């Protein structure tokens, strides 16, 4: 479970970025109230699982060249002021190219078009579900929450619907957001 430091709005966006740079061996997020959330490292299985999923999305993107893929250490400043780091994320080229090079070097002021959160053993499912809802409220079009521990996959869509699958033996689709992208989740669980 992440630790939350009740900070309020004591740090500006630039100061928070500097704080993260000065503590680069730690992982932080910041909620829309300015509170700093200290994230714990993932276990080895989850880290490998995350990388494999990222790899499939990266390879799809390399062949389609429709956007940019980001890893779990990338921070984004959402429209509500929160700074979040999805486990895997993707942004359409036209949105990425619309921000300045300077904005690309800090916590980019964009909410990703597509996000994946993967539950680690230390994660509270409710916390991750709330994060997924926050992504949608800030502009994400499609999101997947993969919960290996409860054997569930949640698919979040921009119309605010949530589809729940009670099995990890599923082939996930990028739908219209990531045309042609599929992920055979069962093959990654082995």
Protein backbone atom coordinates (compact mmCIF):
# COMPACT_ATOMS: atom_id res chain seq x y z
CA UNK A 1 0.00 0.00 0.00
CA UNK A 2 1.48 3.39 -0.95
CA UNK A 3 2.32 5.87 1.79
CA UNK A 4 0.69 9.31 1.44
CA UNK A 5 2.40 12.42 2.81
CA UNK A 6 -0.28 15.05 3.47
CA UNK A 7 1.40 18.05 1.85
CA UNK A 8 -1.50 20.01 0.40
CA UNK A 9 -0.32 22.58 -2.12
CA UNK A 10 3.06 23.26 -0.49
CA UNK A 11 5.00 22.56 -3.70
CA UNK A 12 4.48 24.01 -7.14
CA UNK A 13 4.63 21.70 -10.14
CA UNK A 14 8.23 22.76 -10.79
CA UNK A 15 9.19 22.25 -7.14
CA UNK A 16 7.63 18.79 -7.13
CA UNK A 17 9.57 17.89 -10.29
CA UNK A 18 12.80 19.10 -8.62
CA UNK A 19 11.91 17.14 -5.44
CA UNK A 20 11.51 13.97 -7.53
CA UNK A 21 14.81 14.61 -9.33
CA UNK A 22 16.65 15.08 -6.02
CA UNK A 23 15.17 11.78 -4.77
CA UNK A 24 15.54 9.84 -8.02
CA UNK A 25 15.97 6.49 -6.28
CA UNK A 26 12.38 6.74 -5.02
CA UNK A 27 9.08 6.65 -6.93
CA UNK A 28 6.52 9.37 -6.20
CA UNK A 29 3.11 10.39 -7.43
CA UNK A 30 1.09 13.40 -6.34
CA UNK A 31 -2.69 13.48 -6.02
CA UNK A 32 -4.93 16.35 -7.11
CA UNK A 33 -4.76 17.82 -3.56
CA UNK A 34 -0.95 18.09 -3.68
CA UNK A 35 -0.35 15.12 -1.36
CA UNK A 36 2.78 13.14 -2.18
CA UNK A 37 2.41 9.38 -2.56
CA UNK A 38 5.49 7.23 -2.02
CA UNK A 39 5.28 4.14 -4.21
CA UNK A 40 6.94 0.89 -3.24
CA UNK A 41 8.97 -1.11 -5.76
CA UNK A 42 7.20 -4.04 -7.38
CA UNK A 43 8.11 -7.65 -6.84
CA UNK A 44 10.20 -9.40 -9.46
CA UNK A 45 7.31 -11.29 -11.11
CA UNK A 46 5.25 -8.09 -11.45
CA UNK A 47 8.24 -6.17 -12.83
CA UNK A 48 8.84 -8.82 -15.48
CA UNK A 49 5.11 -9.05 -16.26
CA UNK A 50 4.98 -5.27 -16.70
CA UNK A 51 8.01 -5.26 -19.00
CA UNK A 52 6.59 -8.03 -21.17
CA UNK A 53 3.30 -6.16 -21.58
CA UNK A 54 5.19 -2.95 -22.34
CA UNK A 55 7.24 -4.83 -24.92
CA UNK A 56 4.16 -6.02 -26.79
CA UNK A 57 2.74 -2.49 -26.86
CA UNK A 58 6.12 -1.11 -27.96
CA UNK A 59 6.39 -3.61 -30.82
CA UNK A 60 2.83 -2.83 -31.98
CA UNK A 61 3.64 0.89 -31.86
CA UNK A 62 6.89 0.42 -33.77
CA UNK A 63 4.97 -1.15 -36.65
CA UNK A 64 2.06 1.33 -36.58
CA UNK A 65 3.91 4.52 -35.52
CA UNK A 66 0.71 6.08 -34.12
CA UNK A 67 2.06 7.38 -30.82
CA UNK A 68 4.58 7.14 -28.00
CA UNK A 69 4.84 4.36 -25.39
CA UNK A 70 5.95 5.16 -21.83
CA UNK A 71 7.18 3.02 -18.95
CA UNK A 72 6.18 3.05 -15.30
CA UNK A 73 8.74 5.66 -14.29
CA UNK A 74 7.14 8.36 -16.49
CA UNK A 75 5.16 11.05 -14.70
CA UNK A 76 2.30 12.96 -16.32
CA UNK A 77 0.62 16.07 -14.94
CA UNK A 78 -3.09 15.45 -15.39
CA UNK A 79 -5.56 18.30 -15.98
CA UNK A 80 -6.72 18.00 -12.33
CA UNK A 81 -3.15 18.75 -11.15
CA UNK A 82 -2.28 15.20 -10.07
CA UNK A 83 1.04 13.75 -11.22
CA UNK A 84 0.56 10.07 -12.05
CA UNK A 85 2.82 7.30 -13.36
CA UNK A 86 0.82 4.50 -14.97
CA UNK A 87 2.58 1.13 -15.25
CA UNK A 88 2.28 1.36 -19.05
CA UNK A 89 0.93 4.28 -21.07
CA UNK A 90 0.55 5.51 -24.63
CA UNK A 91 -0.15 8.93 -26.17
CA UNK A 92 -1.20 9.66 -29.77
CA UNK A 93 1.49 11.40 -31.84
CA UNK A 94 -0.59 14.51 -32.52
CA UNK A 95 -1.12 15.12 -28.79
CA UNK A 96 2.54 14.44 -27.94
CA UNK A 97 3.79 16.66 -30.74
CA UNK A 98 1.47 19.49 -29.64
CA UNK A 99 3.45 20.09 -26.44
CA UNK A 100 6.82 21.83 -26.34
CA UNK A 101 10.19 20.08 -26.00
CA UNK A 102 10.49 21.69 -22.55
CA UNK A 103 7.17 20.14 -21.50
CA UNK A 104 8.34 16.77 -22.81
CA UNK A 105 11.38 16.94 -20.48
CA UNK A 106 9.32 17.30 -17.27
CA UNK A 107 6.05 15.70 -16.15
CA UNK A 108 4.27 16.23 -19.47
CA UNK A 109 0.98 18.12 -19.06
CA UNK A 110 -1.06 15.35 -20.69
CA UNK A 111 -3.24 12.50 -19.60
CA UNK A 112 -2.31 9.42 -21.64
CA UNK A 113 -4.81 8.12 -24.20
CA UNK A 114 -4.24 4.56 -22.99
CA UNK A 115 -3.07 3.30 -19.59
CA UNK A 116 -2.41 -0.02 -17.93
CA UNK A 117 -2.14 -0.51 -14.18
CA UNK A 118 -0.90 -3.87 -12.94
CA UNK A 119 -1.67 -4.76 -9.36
CA UNK A 120 1.37 -5.59 -7.28
CA UNK A 121 1.14 -7.61 -4.10
CA UNK A 122 1.46 -4.38 -2.07
CA UNK A 123 -1.31 -2.53 -4.00
CA UNK A 124 -4.80 -2.00 -2.65
CA UNK A 125 -7.33 -2.82 -5.43
CA UNK A 126 -9.58 0.12 -4.45
CA UNK A 127 -6.65 2.55 -4.76
CA UNK A 128 -5.92 1.29 -8.29
CA UNK A 129 -9.61 1.41 -9.29
CA UNK A 130 -9.75 5.04 -8.11
CA UNK A 131 -6.64 5.83 -10.16
CA UNK A 132 -8.26 4.31 -13.25
CA UNK A 133 -11.35 6.47 -12.71
CA UNK A 134 -9.09 9.50 -12.32
CA UNK A 135 -7.39 8.74 -15.64
CA UNK A 136 -10.79 8.53 -17.36
CA UNK A 137 -11.98 11.78 -15.76
CA UNK A 138 -8.86 13.48 -17.09
CA UNK A 139 -9.02 12.25 -20.69
CA UNK A 140 -7.90 8.63 -20.99
CA UNK A 141 -9.85 6.81 -23.70
CA UNK A 142 -9.05 3.21 -22.70
CA UNK A 143 -7.49 1.62 -19.65
CA UNK A 144 -6.80 -1.86 -18.36
CA UNK A 145 -6.40 -2.77 -14.70
CA UNK A 146 -4.86 -6.23 -14.44
CA UNK A 147 -5.26 -7.86 -11.04
CA UNK A 148 -3.38 -11.18 -10.91
CA UNK A 149 -4.17 -11.64 -7.22
CA UNK A 150 -7.97 -11.50 -7.59
CA UNK A 151 -7.80 -13.05 -11.09
CA UNK A 152 -9.63 -10.09 -12.67
CA UNK A 153 -9.23 -7.68 -15.54
CA UNK A 154 -11.07 -4.36 -15.55
CA UNK A 155 -11.51 -2.55 -18.86
CA UNK A 156 -12.21 1.16 -18.48
CA UNK A 157 -13.60 3.15 -21.41
CA UNK A 158 -14.07 6.86 -22.06
CA UNK A 159 -17.87 6.50 -21.78
CA UNK A 160 -17.14 5.71 -18.08
CA UNK A 161 -18.20 2.07 -18.47
CA UNK A 162 -16.19 -0.62 -16.71
CA UNK A 163 -16.16 -4.18 -18.00
CA UNK A 164 -14.97 -6.79 -15.50
CA UNK A 165 -13.59 -10.20 -16.49
CA UNK A 166 -13.21 -12.81 -13.74
CA UNK A 167 -10.36 -14.57 -15.50
CA UNK A 168 -6.92 -13.71 -16.79
CA UNK A 169 -7.48 -16.11 -19.69
CA UNK A 170 -8.53 -13.33 -22.02
CA UNK A 171 -7.29 -11.63 -25.15
CA UNK A 172 -7.49 -7.88 -24.60
CA UNK A 173 -8.15 -5.53 -27.51
CA UNK A 174 -6.85 -2.02 -28.06
CA UNK A 175 -10.21 -1.33 -29.70
CA UNK A 176 -10.31 1.92 -31.71
CA UNK A 177 -7.69 3.57 -29.48
CA UNK A 178 -4.92 1.13 -30.48
CA UNK A 179 -6.24 -0.35 -33.73
CA UNK A 180 -5.05 -3.90 -34.27
CA UNK A 181 -3.35 -4.23 -30.88
CA UNK A 182 -4.24 -7.35 -28.91
CA UNK A 183 -2.71 -8.85 -25.81
CA UNK A 184 -3.11 -12.53 -24.97
CA UNK A 185 -2.93 -12.16 -21.22
CA UNK A 186 -3.03 -15.90 -20.50
CA UNK A 187 0.25 -16.39 -22.38
CA UNK A 188 1.99 -13.91 -20.04
CA UNK A 189 0.81 -15.46 -16.77
CA UNK A 190 2.85 -18.64 -17.18
